[in-house]
N, C-alpha and C. Protein backbone atom coordinates (compact mmCIF):
# COMPACT_ATOMS: atom_id res chain seq x y z
N MET A 1 36.20 109.24 28.89
CA MET A 1 34.98 109.63 28.23
C MET A 1 33.71 109.14 29.34
N ILE A 2 33.03 109.70 29.29
CA ILE A 2 31.59 109.26 29.82
C ILE A 2 30.85 108.39 29.03
N GLU A 3 30.62 107.30 29.77
CA GLU A 3 29.54 106.31 29.03
C GLU A 3 28.33 106.51 29.32
N TYR A 4 27.59 106.63 30.49
CA TYR A 4 26.07 107.14 30.71
C TYR A 4 26.14 107.96 31.74
N ILE A 5 25.24 108.56 32.22
CA ILE A 5 25.07 109.69 32.70
C ILE A 5 23.70 108.83 33.78
N LYS A 6 23.34 108.26 35.19
CA LYS A 6 22.67 107.77 35.25
C LYS A 6 21.80 108.81 36.91
N GLY A 7 20.90 109.54 36.46
CA GLY A 7 20.63 110.27 37.60
C GLY A 7 18.96 110.75 37.45
N LYS A 8 18.55 111.49 38.83
CA LYS A 8 17.30 111.90 38.80
C LYS A 8 16.63 113.03 37.28
N LEU A 9 15.75 113.10 36.42
CA LEU A 9 15.48 113.94 35.59
C LEU A 9 14.73 114.70 35.95
N THR A 10 15.17 116.10 36.02
CA THR A 10 15.00 117.16 36.75
C THR A 10 13.62 117.87 35.86
N GLU A 11 14.21 117.88 34.24
CA GLU A 11 13.57 119.08 33.63
C GLU A 11 13.61 118.62 31.98
N LEU A 12 12.85 118.53 30.88
CA LEU A 12 12.54 117.76 29.69
C LEU A 12 12.00 118.76 28.89
N LEU A 13 12.73 118.88 27.53
CA LEU A 13 11.94 119.80 26.83
C LEU A 13 12.67 118.64 25.81
N PRO A 14 11.63 118.84 24.08
CA PRO A 14 11.78 118.51 23.17
C PRO A 14 13.38 118.23 22.52
N THR A 15 14.14 118.99 23.07
CA THR A 15 15.95 118.82 23.15
C THR A 15 16.81 119.29 23.97
N GLU A 16 16.21 118.79 24.81
CA GLU A 16 17.14 118.82 26.36
C GLU A 16 16.50 117.86 27.73
N ALA A 17 17.62 117.53 27.89
CA ALA A 17 17.12 116.46 29.21
C ALA A 17 18.39 116.97 30.23
N ILE A 18 17.77 117.50 31.67
CA ILE A 18 18.70 117.93 32.57
C ILE A 18 18.65 116.63 33.43
N VAL A 19 19.37 116.14 33.76
CA VAL A 19 19.57 115.21 35.12
C VAL A 19 20.72 115.21 35.47
N GLU A 20 20.15 115.03 37.19
CA GLU A 20 21.01 115.19 38.24
C GLU A 20 21.92 114.32 39.14
N ALA A 21 23.01 114.12 38.73
CA ALA A 21 24.02 112.54 39.21
C ALA A 21 24.70 113.22 40.34
N ALA A 22 24.72 112.82 41.51
CA ALA A 22 25.61 112.99 42.34
C ALA A 22 25.71 114.51 42.90
N GLY A 23 25.01 115.36 42.79
CA GLY A 23 24.89 116.79 43.02
C GLY A 23 24.61 117.49 41.97
N VAL A 24 25.35 116.76 40.61
CA VAL A 24 25.27 117.89 39.45
C VAL A 24 24.62 117.78 38.53
N GLY A 25 23.98 118.76 38.03
CA GLY A 25 22.73 118.88 37.18
C GLY A 25 23.15 118.86 35.40
N TYR A 26 23.43 118.00 34.83
CA TYR A 26 23.89 117.74 33.47
C TYR A 26 22.90 117.80 32.58
N SER A 27 23.19 119.23 31.44
CA SER A 27 22.41 119.31 30.32
C SER A 27 22.70 118.34 29.20
N LEU A 28 21.45 117.85 28.79
CA LEU A 28 22.26 117.00 27.80
C LEU A 28 21.42 117.24 26.40
N ALA A 29 22.20 117.50 25.40
CA ALA A 29 21.26 117.35 24.23
C ALA A 29 20.78 116.41 23.58
N ILE A 30 19.26 116.10 23.08
CA ILE A 30 18.77 114.74 23.15
C ILE A 30 18.06 114.85 21.81
N THR A 31 17.44 113.64 20.76
CA THR A 31 16.54 113.58 20.12
C THR A 31 15.89 113.58 19.94
N LEU A 32 14.37 113.41 19.67
CA LEU A 32 12.82 113.41 19.41
C LEU A 32 12.84 111.73 20.15
N PRO A 33 13.55 110.85 19.68
CA PRO A 33 12.83 109.46 20.01
C PRO A 33 13.19 108.97 21.29
N THR A 34 15.06 110.09 22.23
CA THR A 34 15.07 109.89 23.74
C THR A 34 13.87 111.05 24.18
N TYR A 35 13.68 112.08 23.67
CA TYR A 35 12.23 112.77 24.38
C TYR A 35 11.15 111.91 24.38
N SER A 36 10.35 111.75 23.63
CA SER A 36 9.62 110.06 23.37
C SER A 36 9.72 109.37 24.51
N ALA A 37 10.84 108.56 24.46
CA ALA A 37 11.12 107.46 25.45
C ALA A 37 11.09 108.18 27.29
N LEU A 38 11.37 109.37 27.34
CA LEU A 38 11.82 110.26 28.42
C LEU A 38 9.98 110.81 29.55
N VAL A 39 9.25 110.95 28.27
CA VAL A 39 7.94 111.58 28.81
C VAL A 39 7.48 110.98 29.85
N GLY A 40 7.24 111.79 30.61
CA GLY A 40 6.20 110.86 31.74
C GLY A 40 7.66 110.56 32.85
N SER A 41 9.18 111.06 32.34
CA SER A 41 9.89 109.99 33.38
C SER A 41 10.54 111.09 34.81
N GLU A 42 9.74 112.84 33.88
CA GLU A 42 10.52 113.50 35.12
C GLU A 42 10.56 113.23 36.92
N GLU A 43 11.72 113.71 37.76
CA GLU A 43 11.61 113.41 38.57
C GLU A 43 11.99 112.01 38.85
N LYS A 44 12.15 111.18 38.05
CA LYS A 44 12.44 109.83 38.22
C LYS A 44 14.02 109.14 37.73
N GLU A 45 13.90 108.14 38.30
CA GLU A 45 15.43 107.89 37.97
C GLU A 45 15.85 107.51 36.37
N VAL A 46 16.66 108.27 35.74
CA VAL A 46 17.11 107.78 34.27
C VAL A 46 18.54 107.40 34.09
N LYS A 47 18.80 107.04 32.70
CA LYS A 47 20.12 106.69 32.45
C LYS A 47 20.45 106.63 30.72
N LEU A 48 20.70 107.64 30.45
CA LEU A 48 21.27 108.33 29.09
C LEU A 48 22.77 107.92 28.87
N TYR A 49 22.73 106.89 27.60
CA TYR A 49 24.13 107.25 27.32
C TYR A 49 24.54 108.85 26.60
N VAL A 50 25.76 108.47 26.72
CA VAL A 50 26.20 109.84 26.17
C VAL A 50 27.68 110.02 24.72
N THR A 51 27.49 111.17 24.48
CA THR A 51 28.64 111.00 23.48
C THR A 51 28.98 112.73 23.91
N GLU A 52 30.05 113.08 23.90
CA GLU A 52 30.73 114.23 24.48
C GLU A 52 31.59 114.87 23.03
N ILE A 53 30.88 116.20 22.89
CA ILE A 53 31.77 116.99 21.41
C ILE A 53 32.74 118.04 22.52
N ILE A 54 33.66 118.06 22.25
CA ILE A 54 34.12 118.72 23.18
C ILE A 54 35.37 119.47 21.98
N ARG A 55 35.03 120.82 21.80
CA ARG A 55 36.31 121.56 20.91
C ARG A 55 36.81 123.29 21.73
N GLU A 56 37.19 123.88 21.64
CA GLU A 56 37.90 124.83 21.95
C GLU A 56 36.71 126.07 22.63
N ASP A 57 35.67 126.35 21.65
CA ASP A 57 34.34 126.98 21.62
C ASP A 57 33.44 126.27 22.24
N GLU A 58 33.48 124.92 22.42
CA GLU A 58 32.20 124.17 22.98
C GLU A 58 31.99 123.13 23.38
N HIS A 59 31.54 122.90 24.49
CA HIS A 59 31.30 121.13 25.28
C HIS A 59 30.15 120.82 25.38
N THR A 60 29.72 119.98 24.44
CA THR A 60 28.11 119.45 24.53
C THR A 60 27.77 118.43 24.50
N ILE A 61 27.17 117.86 25.70
CA ILE A 61 27.20 116.50 25.91
C ILE A 61 25.53 116.20 25.31
N TYR A 62 26.05 114.72 24.29
CA TYR A 62 24.54 114.59 23.63
C TYR A 62 23.96 113.18 24.45
N GLY A 63 22.87 113.24 25.03
CA GLY A 63 22.05 111.89 25.85
C GLY A 63 21.27 110.85 24.80
N PHE A 64 21.39 109.36 24.87
CA PHE A 64 20.53 108.71 23.99
C PHE A 64 20.03 107.66 25.13
N PHE A 65 18.72 107.23 24.68
CA PHE A 65 18.14 106.58 25.27
C PHE A 65 18.43 105.29 25.52
N ASP A 66 19.22 104.91 24.24
CA ASP A 66 20.04 103.68 24.47
C ASP A 66 21.48 103.63 23.05
N ARG A 67 22.38 102.61 23.61
CA ARG A 67 23.67 102.59 23.14
C ARG A 67 23.12 102.34 21.10
N ALA A 68 22.15 101.52 20.80
CA ALA A 68 22.09 101.89 19.02
C ALA A 68 21.78 103.15 18.66
N GLU A 69 20.70 104.37 19.71
CA GLU A 69 21.16 105.56 19.04
C GLU A 69 21.98 106.22 19.40
N ARG A 70 22.76 105.78 20.06
CA ARG A 70 24.34 106.59 20.28
C ARG A 70 25.16 106.02 19.16
N LYS A 71 24.92 104.87 18.38
CA LYS A 71 26.01 104.56 17.64
C LYS A 71 25.33 105.36 16.36
N LEU A 72 23.99 105.03 16.04
CA LEU A 72 23.56 105.60 14.72
C LEU A 72 24.18 107.25 14.73
N PHE A 73 24.16 108.17 15.64
CA PHE A 73 24.31 109.29 15.80
C PHE A 73 25.97 109.29 15.65
N GLU A 74 26.76 108.47 16.05
CA GLU A 74 27.90 108.62 15.83
C GLU A 74 28.66 108.27 14.32
N MET A 75 27.56 107.25 13.76
CA MET A 75 28.14 106.88 12.53
C MET A 75 27.78 107.90 12.10
N LEU A 76 26.56 109.09 11.78
CA LEU A 76 26.11 110.00 10.76
C LEU A 76 28.04 110.97 11.03
N MET A 77 28.00 110.98 11.88
CA MET A 77 29.03 111.93 11.92
C MET A 77 30.65 111.81 11.29
N THR A 78 30.70 110.30 10.99
CA THR A 78 31.93 109.81 10.43
C THR A 78 31.76 110.75 8.69
N VAL A 79 30.56 110.79 8.61
CA VAL A 79 30.31 110.93 7.20
C VAL A 79 30.51 112.88 6.87
N SER A 80 31.48 113.15 5.64
CA SER A 80 32.11 114.23 5.74
C SER A 80 30.69 115.17 5.18
N GLY A 81 30.75 116.35 6.03
CA GLY A 81 29.73 117.40 5.99
C GLY A 81 28.85 116.97 6.70
N VAL A 82 28.97 116.08 7.79
CA VAL A 82 27.50 115.96 8.56
C VAL A 82 28.17 116.18 10.06
N GLY A 83 28.16 117.32 10.64
CA GLY A 83 28.55 117.68 11.97
C GLY A 83 27.03 117.21 13.00
N ALA A 84 27.58 117.56 14.48
CA ALA A 84 26.81 117.24 15.35
C ALA A 84 25.45 117.11 15.13
N ALA A 85 25.36 118.84 14.76
CA ALA A 85 24.30 119.63 14.77
C ALA A 85 23.19 118.63 13.66
N THR A 86 23.76 118.22 12.49
CA THR A 86 23.23 118.16 11.62
C THR A 86 22.75 116.53 11.86
N ALA A 87 23.83 115.99 12.60
CA ALA A 87 23.04 114.31 12.74
C ALA A 87 22.06 114.33 13.91
N ARG A 88 21.81 114.98 14.47
CA ARG A 88 20.79 115.09 15.59
C ARG A 88 19.34 115.60 14.75
N MET A 89 19.49 116.77 14.17
CA MET A 89 18.53 116.93 13.25
C MET A 89 17.75 115.44 12.44
N ILE A 90 19.05 115.12 12.05
CA ILE A 90 18.10 113.82 11.03
C ILE A 90 17.81 112.95 11.55
N MET A 91 17.90 112.56 12.84
CA MET A 91 17.76 111.08 14.34
C MET A 91 16.42 112.18 14.73
N SER A 92 16.28 113.69 14.64
CA SER A 92 14.90 113.96 15.26
C SER A 92 14.04 114.07 13.75
N ALA A 93 14.37 113.72 12.65
CA ALA A 93 13.34 113.60 11.34
C ALA A 93 12.72 112.22 11.82
N PHE A 94 13.47 111.34 12.09
CA PHE A 94 12.72 109.87 11.79
C PHE A 94 13.48 109.27 12.90
N THR A 95 13.17 108.11 13.44
CA THR A 95 13.08 107.10 14.62
C THR A 95 14.37 106.49 14.19
N ALA A 96 15.02 105.95 15.04
CA ALA A 96 16.15 105.08 14.30
C ALA A 96 16.08 104.26 13.46
N GLU A 97 15.00 102.83 13.88
CA GLU A 97 14.50 102.41 12.57
C GLU A 97 13.78 102.64 11.40
N GLU A 98 13.42 103.58 10.88
CA GLU A 98 12.96 104.07 10.01
C GLU A 98 14.61 104.69 9.23
N LEU A 99 15.31 105.42 10.07
CA LEU A 99 16.95 105.67 9.75
C LEU A 99 17.58 104.68 8.87
N ARG A 100 17.45 103.41 9.82
CA ARG A 100 18.52 102.11 9.32
C ARG A 100 18.07 101.80 8.22
N ILE A 101 16.30 101.93 8.01
CA ILE A 101 15.57 101.44 6.85
C ILE A 101 16.31 102.14 5.51
N ILE A 102 15.82 104.07 5.86
CA ILE A 102 16.00 104.86 4.95
C ILE A 102 17.66 104.45 3.93
N ILE A 103 18.85 104.22 5.11
CA ILE A 103 19.93 103.89 4.37
C ILE A 103 20.51 102.62 4.21
N ALA A 104 20.38 101.92 4.68
CA ALA A 104 20.16 100.42 3.90
C ALA A 104 19.65 100.10 2.42
N THR A 105 18.48 101.20 2.36
CA THR A 105 17.71 100.63 1.23
C THR A 105 18.28 101.90 0.07
N GLY A 106 18.83 102.20 0.46
CA GLY A 106 19.53 103.60 -0.48
C GLY A 106 18.68 104.84 -0.68
N ASN A 107 17.52 104.73 0.62
CA ASN A 107 16.53 106.02 0.04
C ASN A 107 16.81 107.48 0.25
N ALA A 108 17.82 107.94 -0.90
CA ALA A 108 18.01 109.28 -0.92
C ALA A 108 16.93 110.18 -0.68
N LYS A 109 15.74 109.93 -1.04
CA LYS A 109 15.08 111.00 -1.66
C LYS A 109 14.71 111.57 -0.35
N ALA A 110 14.44 110.26 0.52
CA ALA A 110 13.73 110.42 1.91
C ALA A 110 14.22 111.31 3.47
N MET A 111 15.98 110.92 2.81
CA MET A 111 17.10 110.96 3.72
C MET A 111 16.88 113.13 3.08
N ALA A 112 16.87 113.39 1.73
CA ALA A 112 16.91 114.53 1.68
C ALA A 112 16.32 115.19 2.15
N LYS A 113 15.13 114.88 2.99
CA LYS A 113 14.04 116.04 3.00
C LYS A 113 14.38 116.43 4.36
N VAL A 114 15.19 115.99 4.99
CA VAL A 114 16.14 116.87 6.03
C VAL A 114 16.67 118.21 5.95
N LYS A 115 16.00 118.74 6.58
CA LYS A 115 16.40 120.65 6.16
C LYS A 115 18.05 120.53 6.46
N GLY A 116 18.90 120.88 5.38
CA GLY A 116 19.84 120.96 5.70
C GLY A 116 20.79 120.52 4.42
N LEU A 117 20.02 119.17 3.77
CA LEU A 117 20.84 118.10 4.04
C LEU A 117 21.50 118.29 2.39
N GLY A 118 20.31 117.97 1.35
CA GLY A 118 20.20 118.37 0.09
C GLY A 118 21.07 116.86 -0.23
N PRO A 119 20.62 116.68 -1.76
CA PRO A 119 20.57 115.47 -2.50
C PRO A 119 22.20 115.16 -2.47
N LYS A 120 23.27 115.56 -2.55
CA LYS A 120 24.00 115.37 -2.61
C LYS A 120 25.39 114.46 -1.12
N THR A 121 24.81 115.40 0.30
CA THR A 121 24.98 114.81 1.60
C THR A 121 24.03 114.18 1.69
N ALA A 122 22.87 113.81 1.24
CA ALA A 122 22.00 112.49 1.37
C ALA A 122 22.52 111.52 1.26
N GLN A 123 23.29 111.28 -0.50
CA GLN A 123 23.81 110.24 -1.01
C GLN A 123 24.78 109.89 -0.59
N ARG A 124 26.02 110.93 -0.20
CA ARG A 124 26.94 110.44 0.72
C ARG A 124 26.94 109.54 2.29
N ILE A 125 25.63 109.85 2.56
CA ILE A 125 25.27 109.60 4.10
C ILE A 125 25.20 107.83 3.51
N ILE A 126 24.25 107.62 2.71
CA ILE A 126 23.97 106.42 2.20
C ILE A 126 24.68 105.45 1.73
N VAL A 127 26.00 105.96 0.76
CA VAL A 127 26.86 105.07 0.19
C VAL A 127 27.97 104.88 1.20
N ASP A 128 28.02 106.04 2.37
CA ASP A 128 29.35 105.44 3.17
C ASP A 128 28.68 104.60 4.53
N LEU A 129 27.62 104.50 4.79
CA LEU A 129 26.95 103.83 5.65
C LEU A 129 26.01 102.93 5.25
N LYS A 130 25.60 102.75 4.27
CA LYS A 130 24.82 101.35 3.89
C LYS A 130 25.02 100.34 4.70
N ASP A 131 26.28 99.89 4.61
CA ASP A 131 26.39 98.39 4.91
C ASP A 131 26.79 98.38 6.41
N LYS A 132 26.74 99.39 7.37
CA LYS A 132 27.06 99.55 8.55
C LYS A 132 25.49 99.20 9.19
N ALA A 133 24.73 99.93 8.30
CA ALA A 133 23.33 100.20 8.85
C ALA A 133 22.93 99.14 8.77
N ILE A 134 22.87 98.07 7.75
CA ILE A 134 22.29 96.90 7.31
C ILE A 134 22.88 95.93 9.32
N LYS A 135 23.88 96.13 9.37
CA LYS A 135 24.46 94.92 10.13
C LYS A 135 24.19 95.56 12.06
N LEU A 136 24.20 97.12 11.87
CA LEU A 136 23.39 97.48 13.22
C LEU A 136 22.34 96.86 13.57
N ASP A 137 22.32 96.54 15.05
CA ASP A 137 21.44 95.60 15.51
C ASP A 137 20.58 96.80 16.52
N LEU A 138 19.53 96.89 16.34
CA LEU A 138 19.11 98.26 17.17
C LEU A 138 17.94 98.01 18.29
N GLY A 139 17.47 96.46 18.47
CA GLY A 139 17.27 95.87 19.62
C GLY A 139 15.66 96.63 19.37
N VAL A 140 15.08 97.26 20.21
CA VAL A 140 13.77 97.63 20.42
C VAL A 140 13.64 98.97 20.57
N ASP A 141 12.92 99.28 19.44
CA ASP A 141 12.74 101.09 19.50
C ASP A 141 11.99 101.76 21.08
N PRO A 142 12.28 102.99 21.43
CA PRO A 142 11.94 103.40 22.58
C PRO A 142 10.51 103.11 22.25
N THR A 143 9.99 103.25 23.46
CA THR A 143 8.32 103.32 23.27
C THR A 143 8.09 105.14 23.72
N GLU A 144 7.00 105.67 22.37
CA GLU A 144 6.50 106.64 22.71
C GLU A 144 5.46 106.85 23.61
N LEU A 145 5.74 107.45 24.60
CA LEU A 145 4.50 107.47 25.36
C LEU A 145 3.70 108.69 25.76
N PRO A 146 2.44 108.05 25.74
CA PRO A 146 1.27 109.67 25.27
C PRO A 146 1.64 110.55 26.14
N MET A 147 1.12 111.62 25.59
CA MET A 147 0.89 113.00 26.67
C MET A 147 -1.16 113.07 26.65
N THR A 148 -1.33 113.73 28.05
CA THR A 148 -2.61 113.36 28.22
C THR A 148 -3.13 114.95 27.18
N PHE A 149 -4.60 114.89 27.18
CA PHE A 149 -5.21 116.15 26.18
C PHE A 149 -4.49 117.35 26.63
N GLU A 150 -4.87 117.74 27.88
CA GLU A 150 -4.41 119.02 28.89
C GLU A 150 -3.01 119.29 27.95
N GLU A 151 -2.33 118.50 28.13
CA GLU A 151 -1.02 119.05 27.60
C GLU A 151 -0.83 118.79 26.51
N GLU A 152 -1.36 118.26 25.49
CA GLU A 152 -1.36 118.39 24.58
C GLU A 152 -1.75 119.94 23.88
N GLU A 153 -3.18 120.29 24.64
CA GLU A 153 -3.62 121.52 24.43
C GLU A 153 -2.89 122.80 24.52
N ASN A 154 -2.14 122.63 25.82
CA ASN A 154 -1.46 123.85 26.10
C ASN A 154 0.18 123.55 26.36
N GLY A 155 0.80 122.77 25.65
CA GLY A 155 1.70 122.71 26.11
C GLY A 155 2.63 122.53 24.09
N THR A 156 2.16 121.70 23.42
CA THR A 156 2.39 121.33 22.31
C THR A 156 3.35 122.13 21.06
N ARG A 157 1.79 123.25 20.89
CA ARG A 157 2.54 124.92 20.14
C ARG A 157 3.99 125.33 20.60
N ALA A 158 3.95 125.90 21.89
CA ALA A 158 4.91 126.06 22.57
C ALA A 158 6.43 125.60 22.50
N GLU A 159 5.98 124.12 22.89
CA GLU A 159 7.06 123.15 22.96
C GLU A 159 7.85 122.69 21.23
N ALA A 160 7.22 122.93 20.62
CA ALA A 160 7.74 122.78 19.17
C ALA A 160 8.26 123.85 18.51
N ILE A 161 7.72 125.23 18.78
CA ILE A 161 8.20 126.20 18.60
C ILE A 161 9.54 125.99 19.34
N SER A 162 9.79 125.93 20.65
CA SER A 162 11.09 126.41 21.08
C SER A 162 12.00 125.15 21.07
N ALA A 163 11.49 124.00 20.71
CA ALA A 163 12.56 123.26 20.00
C ALA A 163 12.98 123.52 18.72
N LEU A 164 12.31 123.91 17.99
CA LEU A 164 12.50 124.08 16.28
C LEU A 164 13.63 125.42 16.71
N THR A 165 13.27 126.26 16.90
CA THR A 165 14.33 127.65 17.58
C THR A 165 15.38 126.96 17.82
N MET A 166 15.28 126.18 19.06
CA MET A 166 16.67 125.97 19.53
C MET A 166 17.48 125.05 18.54
N LEU A 167 16.98 124.32 17.48
CA LEU A 167 17.71 123.40 16.02
C LEU A 167 18.29 124.74 15.11
N GLY A 168 18.00 125.95 15.80
CA GLY A 168 18.51 127.12 14.36
C GLY A 168 17.50 127.73 13.37
N PHE A 169 16.14 127.58 13.78
CA PHE A 169 15.11 127.34 12.40
C PHE A 169 14.61 128.87 13.08
N PRO A 170 14.35 129.92 12.63
CA PRO A 170 13.83 131.26 12.71
C PRO A 170 12.12 131.17 13.74
N ALA A 171 12.33 131.28 14.63
CA ALA A 171 10.96 131.55 15.69
C ALA A 171 9.62 131.77 14.62
N ALA A 172 9.13 132.93 13.91
CA ALA A 172 8.34 133.04 12.94
C ALA A 172 8.16 132.30 12.17
N SER A 173 9.39 131.66 11.05
CA SER A 173 8.75 130.39 10.49
C SER A 173 8.40 129.35 10.89
N SER A 174 9.11 129.07 12.16
CA SER A 174 9.23 128.14 13.08
C SER A 174 7.44 127.63 13.47
N GLY A 175 6.67 128.95 13.91
CA GLY A 175 4.99 129.05 14.22
C GLY A 175 4.76 128.68 13.12
N LYS A 176 4.59 129.18 12.00
CA LYS A 176 4.01 129.02 10.96
C LYS A 176 3.69 127.81 10.51
N ALA A 177 4.78 127.09 10.43
CA ALA A 177 4.65 125.64 10.26
C ALA A 177 3.97 124.35 11.25
N VAL A 178 4.41 125.26 13.12
CA VAL A 178 3.37 124.59 13.69
C VAL A 178 2.15 124.76 13.60
N ASP A 179 2.01 126.14 13.27
CA ASP A 179 -0.06 126.02 13.49
C ASP A 179 -0.59 125.20 12.14
N LYS A 180 0.28 125.19 11.38
CA LYS A 180 -0.46 124.76 10.15
C LYS A 180 -0.44 123.05 10.25
N ILE A 181 0.31 122.82 11.12
CA ILE A 181 0.57 121.20 11.24
C ILE A 181 -0.48 120.96 12.57
N LEU A 182 -1.08 121.90 13.24
CA LEU A 182 -1.93 121.18 14.38
C LEU A 182 -3.42 121.72 13.69
N LYS A 183 -3.29 122.80 12.97
CA LYS A 183 -4.49 123.27 12.75
C LYS A 183 -5.14 121.61 11.59
N THR A 184 -4.56 120.86 10.56
CA THR A 184 -4.91 119.47 10.19
C THR A 184 -4.86 118.44 11.20
N GLU A 185 -4.09 118.58 11.79
CA GLU A 185 -3.68 117.67 13.34
C GLU A 185 -3.79 117.92 14.36
N PRO A 186 -4.88 118.56 15.17
CA PRO A 186 -4.49 119.03 16.69
C PRO A 186 -4.29 118.26 17.75
N THR A 187 -4.24 116.60 17.84
CA THR A 187 -4.04 116.20 18.41
C THR A 187 -2.54 115.26 18.11
N LEU A 188 -1.97 115.78 17.37
CA LEU A 188 -0.94 115.09 17.15
C LEU A 188 0.22 115.56 18.30
N LYS A 189 1.08 114.64 19.05
CA LYS A 189 2.09 114.86 19.78
C LYS A 189 3.29 115.59 19.54
N VAL A 190 3.69 116.21 20.26
CA VAL A 190 5.03 117.54 20.01
C VAL A 190 5.93 116.57 19.29
N GLU A 191 6.39 115.45 19.58
CA GLU A 191 7.36 115.28 18.41
C GLU A 191 7.16 114.98 17.00
N GLY A 192 5.78 114.61 16.79
CA GLY A 192 5.10 114.18 15.65
C GLY A 192 5.30 115.83 15.03
N VAL A 193 5.13 116.65 15.85
CA VAL A 193 4.86 118.00 15.01
C VAL A 193 6.19 118.45 14.30
N ILE A 194 7.12 118.07 15.30
CA ILE A 194 8.50 118.78 15.15
C ILE A 194 9.16 118.01 14.10
N ARG A 195 8.64 116.88 13.83
CA ARG A 195 9.01 115.98 12.70
C ARG A 195 8.62 116.37 11.71
N LYS A 196 7.11 116.68 11.60
CA LYS A 196 6.75 117.30 10.16
C LYS A 196 7.37 118.72 10.10
N ALA A 197 7.47 119.70 10.91
CA ALA A 197 8.01 120.61 10.67
C ALA A 197 9.51 120.94 10.07
N LEU A 198 10.09 119.66 10.56
CA LEU A 198 11.74 119.49 9.49
C LEU A 198 11.15 119.51 8.27
N THR A 199 10.28 118.63 7.84
CA THR A 199 9.99 118.51 6.76
C THR A 199 9.61 120.38 5.55
N MET A 200 9.23 120.78 6.11
CA MET A 200 8.57 122.16 5.85
C MET A 200 9.40 123.01 5.47
N LEU A 201 10.69 123.59 7.01
CA LEU A 201 11.46 124.50 7.34
C LEU A 201 12.48 124.93 6.05
């Protein structure tokens, strides 16, 4: 099992980071908190903790900014009905600390806002993980680094729609949701746009 990958960050998208290590480019599926922590680190050395999902028809590497975030992801996948894609969507809708508080306080209503969960699965997550969430030491949350206005103006809409389609949402409905959000909050960063869109789609 790979514990972490350390190398140069050659490409960064809200759902994917490509890290070159020892001449090999690794494509890692990431969450929005990890994306936020990596913004501004392109062409610099980064270290991402890894979870591998290996099946007959799939080999996906998930990368996380710290061990605590990875632990939450792996905890979510132990719940019946929650796969890797759903776990990543949950962790993109909330920060690690927000998610821990939601689970620890039994806030099924907030959890159920994540697309595709529904009240039964949300309640199951809370029942199965409440004790573990209370005990989990998250440490310091990844710092959300701001983008410049020019990056927001030119890239936020396209990046947000791209990320949502990668997560499985239709491009047309993703575009409508993003446009609606940016109309009321034009300076919102891309990760914020995606989080809000996840509660609308």
